[in-house]
Amino acid sequence: MKGKAKWVAVALAAVLVICIVALVFQSAKGGTVAEISKDGQLVCSIDLKTAPEQTITVGDAESGINIIEVQKGRIRVLQADCKNQNCVECGWSDEAGGRPIVCLPNRLVIKITGEGGRVDAVSG
């Protein structure tokens, strides 16, 4: 593979792995918690049922900035300094086990765990 095509394939594989991990390891206990990770490290966990409305800035000019908006029961990427804006276009996420919000250029992942998850073929 050529250089650029190789990185695209690696990025797509990373998104696939993140989605699978989010579905397999979703928790069925407690409240609906949004876990915000940057560079594979947990930045913070927010209980969406009890959290006040707020915006959270994650990152810096060097690693990329995402502004995350939290409202009662839901979360989204409000703004991002990445080129493609896929993370912003994902919109609101409010369901455990749903699709994570991912910003590949800024290496940000938001996944929701806890009660209210979807039932799938694995869990019954």
C-alpha atoms as a PDB file:
ATOM      1  CA  MET A   1       0.000   0.000   0.000  1.00  0.00           C
ATOM      2  CA  LYS A   2       1.082   3.557  -0.630  1.00  0.00           C
ATOM      3  CA  GLY A   3       1.636   5.860   2.369  1.00  0.00           C
ATOM      4  CA  LYS A   4      -1.689   7.734   2.410  1.00  0.00           C
ATOM      5  CA  ALA A   5      -3.789   4.649   1.660  1.00  0.00           C
ATOM      6  CA  LYS A   6      -2.041   2.792   4.472  1.00  0.00           C
ATOM      7  CA  TRP A   7      -2.960   5.496   7.025  1.00  0.00           C
ATOM      8  CA  VAL A   8      -6.577   5.572   5.819  1.00  0.00           C
ATOM      9  CA  ALA A   9      -6.791   1.800   6.289  1.00  0.00           C
ATOM     10  CA  VAL A  10      -5.269   2.074   9.776  1.00  0.00           C
ATOM     11  CA  ALA A  11      -7.729   4.849  10.728  1.00  0.00           C
ATOM     12  CA  LEU A  12     -10.721   2.842   9.504  1.00  0.00           C
ATOM     13  CA  ALA A  13      -9.512  -0.231  11.388  1.00  0.00           C
ATOM     14  CA  ALA A  14      -9.142   1.880  14.557  1.00  0.00           C
ATOM     15  CA  VAL A  15     -12.727   3.159  14.249  1.00  0.00           C
ATOM     16  CA  LEU A  16     -13.967  -0.402  13.780  1.00  0.00           C
ATOM     17  CA  VAL A  17     -12.082  -1.615  16.852  1.00  0.00           C
ATOM     18  CA  ILE A  18     -13.403   1.291  18.949  1.00  0.00           C
ATOM     19  CA  CYS A  19     -16.990   0.538  17.904  1.00  0.00           C
ATOM     20  CA  ILE A  20     -16.635  -3.167  18.689  1.00  0.00           C
ATOM     21  CA  VAL A  21     -15.042  -2.480  22.075  1.00  0.00           C
ATOM     22  CA  ALA A  22     -17.785   0.012  22.938  1.00  0.00           C
ATOM     23  CA  LEU A  23     -20.495  -2.533  22.120  1.00  0.00           C
ATOM     24  CA  VAL A  24     -18.850  -5.494  23.823  1.00  0.00           C
ATOM     25  CA  PHE A  25     -17.818  -3.779  27.041  1.00  0.00           C
ATOM     26  CA  GLN A  26     -20.873  -1.609  27.675  1.00  0.00           C
ATOM     27  CA  SER A  27     -21.927  -1.654  31.280  1.00  0.00           C
ATOM     28  CA  ALA A  28     -25.465  -2.509  32.351  1.00  0.00           C
ATOM     29  CA  LYS A  29     -25.139  -0.989  35.834  1.00  0.00           C
ATOM     30  CA  GLY A  30     -25.595   2.506  37.251  1.00  0.00           C
ATOM     31  CA  GLY A  31     -26.575   5.640  35.418  1.00  0.00           C
ATOM     32  CA  THR A  32     -25.927   6.646  31.866  1.00  0.00           C
ATOM     33  CA  VAL A  33     -22.290   7.770  31.899  1.00  0.00           C
ATOM     34  CA  ALA A  34     -20.431   9.464  29.057  1.00  0.00           C
ATOM     35  CA  GLU A  35     -16.740   8.598  29.005  1.00  0.00           C
ATOM     36  CA  ILE A  36     -14.560  11.123  27.182  1.00  0.00           C
ATOM     37  CA  SER A  37     -11.139   9.827  26.116  1.00  0.00           C
ATOM     38  CA  LYS A  38      -8.279  11.559  24.317  1.00  0.00           C
ATOM     39  CA  ASP A  39      -5.272   9.637  23.003  1.00  0.00           C
ATOM     40  CA  GLY A  40      -6.687   6.481  24.629  1.00  0.00           C
ATOM     41  CA  GLN A  41      -6.681   8.054  28.102  1.00  0.00           C
ATOM     42  CA  LEU A  42      -9.882   8.741  30.026  1.00  0.00           C
ATOM     43  CA  VAL A  43     -10.281  12.516  30.390  1.00  0.00           C
ATOM     44  CA  CYS A  44     -13.512  12.460  32.382  1.00  0.00           C
ATOM     45  CA  SER A  45     -16.735  10.583  33.043  1.00  0.00           C
ATOM     46  CA  ILE A  46     -20.028  12.446  33.175  1.00  0.00           C
ATOM     47  CA  ASP A  47     -23.328  11.110  34.533  1.00  0.00           C
ATOM     48  CA  LEU A  48     -25.691  12.438  31.897  1.00  0.00           C
ATOM     49  CA  LYS A  49     -28.708  12.017  34.171  1.00  0.00           C
ATOM     50  CA  THR A  50     -27.403  14.404  36.826  1.00  0.00           C
ATOM     51  CA  ALA A  51     -24.808  16.606  35.099  1.00  0.00           C
ATOM     52  CA  PRO A  52     -25.597  20.307  34.695  1.00  0.00           C
ATOM     53  CA  GLU A  53     -25.671  21.805  31.218  1.00  0.00           C
ATOM     54  CA  GLN A  54     -22.078  22.631  30.363  1.00  0.00           C
ATOM     55  CA  THR A  55     -19.391  22.813  27.706  1.00  0.00           C
ATOM     56  CA  ILE A  56     -16.063  21.069  28.113  1.00  0.00           C
ATOM     57  CA  THR A  57     -12.949  21.883  26.114  1.00  0.00           C
ATOM     58  CA  VAL A  58     -10.691  18.893  25.481  1.00  0.00           C
ATOM     59  CA  GLY A  59      -7.228  19.148  23.972  1.00  0.00           C
ATOM     60  CA  ASP A  60      -4.951  21.980  22.920  1.00  0.00           C
ATOM     61  CA  ALA A  61      -3.697  23.647  19.756  1.00  0.00           C
ATOM     62  CA  GLU A  62      -1.028  20.994  19.281  1.00  0.00           C
ATOM     63  CA  SER A  63      -3.216  17.890  19.701  1.00  0.00           C
ATOM     64  CA  GLY A  64      -6.496  19.351  18.427  1.00  0.00           C
ATOM     65  CA  ILE A  65      -9.392  20.967  20.257  1.00  0.00           C
ATOM     66  CA  ASN A  66     -12.927  19.641  20.685  1.00  0.00           C
ATOM     67  CA  ILE A  67     -15.658  21.558  22.503  1.00  0.00           C
ATOM     68  CA  ILE A  68     -18.166  19.132  23.966  1.00  0.00           C
ATOM     69  CA  GLU A  69     -21.676  20.147  24.986  1.00  0.00           C
ATOM     70  CA  VAL A  70     -23.576  18.344  27.734  1.00  0.00           C
ATOM     71  CA  GLN A  71     -27.299  18.703  28.286  1.00  0.00           C
ATOM     72  CA  LYS A  72     -29.503  16.635  30.549  1.00  0.00           C
ATOM     73  CA  GLY A  73     -29.294  13.094  29.229  1.00  0.00           C
ATOM     74  CA  ARG A  74     -27.228  13.764  26.110  1.00  0.00           C
ATOM     75  CA  ILE A  75     -23.819  14.813  24.787  1.00  0.00           C
ATOM     76  CA  ARG A  76     -22.284  15.996  21.512  1.00  0.00           C
ATOM     77  CA  VAL A  77     -19.221  17.600  19.958  1.00  0.00           C
ATOM     78  CA  LEU A  78     -20.282  21.204  19.468  1.00  0.00           C
ATOM     79  CA  GLN A  79     -17.089  22.406  17.761  1.00  0.00           C
ATOM     80  CA  ALA A  80     -13.844  20.875  16.571  1.00  0.00           C
ATOM     81  CA  ASP A  81     -10.773  22.227  14.837  1.00  0.00           C
ATOM     82  CA  CYS A  82     -10.433  19.145  12.607  1.00  0.00           C
ATOM     83  CA  LYS A  83     -10.945  19.464   8.839  1.00  0.00           C
ATOM     84  CA  ASN A  84     -13.666  16.874   8.221  1.00  0.00           C
ATOM     85  CA  GLN A  85     -16.068  17.776  11.084  1.00  0.00           C
ATOM     86  CA  ASN A  86     -17.476  14.204  11.200  1.00  0.00           C
ATOM     87  CA  CYS A  87     -17.549  14.345  15.000  1.00  0.00           C
ATOM     88  CA  VAL A  88     -19.697  17.509  14.917  1.00  0.00           C
ATOM     89  CA  GLU A  89     -21.991  16.029  12.285  1.00  0.00           C
ATOM     90  CA  CYS A  90     -22.648  12.970  14.509  1.00  0.00           C
ATOM     91  CA  GLY A  91     -24.965  15.157  16.565  1.00  0.00           C
ATOM     92  CA  TRP A  92     -26.319  14.183  19.973  1.00  0.00           C
ATOM     93  CA  SER A  93     -25.654  10.841  21.621  1.00  0.00           C
ATOM     94  CA  ASP A  94     -27.867   9.745  24.487  1.00  0.00           C
ATOM     95  CA  GLU A  95     -28.016   5.982  24.578  1.00  0.00           C
ATOM     96  CA  ALA A  96     -25.724   3.460  26.228  1.00  0.00           C
ATOM     97  CA  GLY A  97     -24.371   1.021  23.695  1.00  0.00           C
ATOM     98  CA  GLY A  98     -25.101   3.409  20.837  1.00  0.00           C
ATOM     99  CA  ARG A  99     -22.470   4.480  18.387  1.00  0.00           C
ATOM    100  CA  PRO A 100     -19.570   6.351  19.953  1.00  0.00           C
ATOM    101  CA  ILE A 101     -18.669   9.836  18.789  1.00  0.00           C
ATOM    102  CA  VAL A 102     -15.170   9.697  17.319  1.00  0.00           C
ATOM    103  CA  CYS A 103     -12.840  12.463  16.120  1.00  0.00           C
ATOM    104  CA  LEU A 104      -9.953  10.610  14.471  1.00  0.00           C
ATOM    105  CA  PRO A 105      -7.805  13.661  13.671  1.00  0.00           C
ATOM    106  CA  ASN A 106      -7.951  14.814  17.318  1.00  0.00           C
ATOM    107  CA  ARG A 107      -7.935  11.256  18.736  1.00  0.00           C
ATOM    108  CA  LEU A 108     -11.095  11.836  20.783  1.00  0.00           C
ATOM    109  CA  VAL A 109     -13.720   9.219  21.652  1.00  0.00           C
ATOM    110  CA  ILE A 110     -16.982   9.741  23.531  1.00  0.00           C
ATOM    111  CA  LYS A 111     -18.885   6.604  24.457  1.00  0.00           C
ATOM    112  CA  ILE A 112     -21.902   6.157  26.679  1.00  0.00           C
ATOM    113  CA  THR A 113     -22.090   3.280  29.116  1.00  0.00           C
ATOM    114  CA  GLY A 114     -24.659   2.282  31.722  1.00  0.00           C
ATOM    115  CA  GLU A 115     -28.336   1.448  31.775  1.00  0.00           C
ATOM    116  CA  GLY A 116     -30.589   2.018  28.811  1.00  0.00           C
ATOM    117  CA  GLY A 117     -28.352   0.174  26.366  1.00  0.00           C
ATOM    118  CA  ARG A 118     -29.589  -1.562  23.282  1.00  0.00           C
ATOM    119  CA  VAL A 119     -30.129  -5.273  23.314  1.00  0.00           C
ATOM    120  CA  ASP A 120     -28.102  -7.042  20.669  1.00  0.00           C
ATOM    121  CA  ALA A 121     -27.519 -10.581  19.506  1.00  0.00           C
ATOM    122  CA  VAL A 122     -24.674 -11.077  21.975  1.00  0.00           C
ATOM    123  CA  SER A 123     -26.465  -9.868  25.108  1.00  0.00           C
ATOM    124  CA  GLY A 124     -29.853 -11.256  24.213  1.00  0.00           C
END
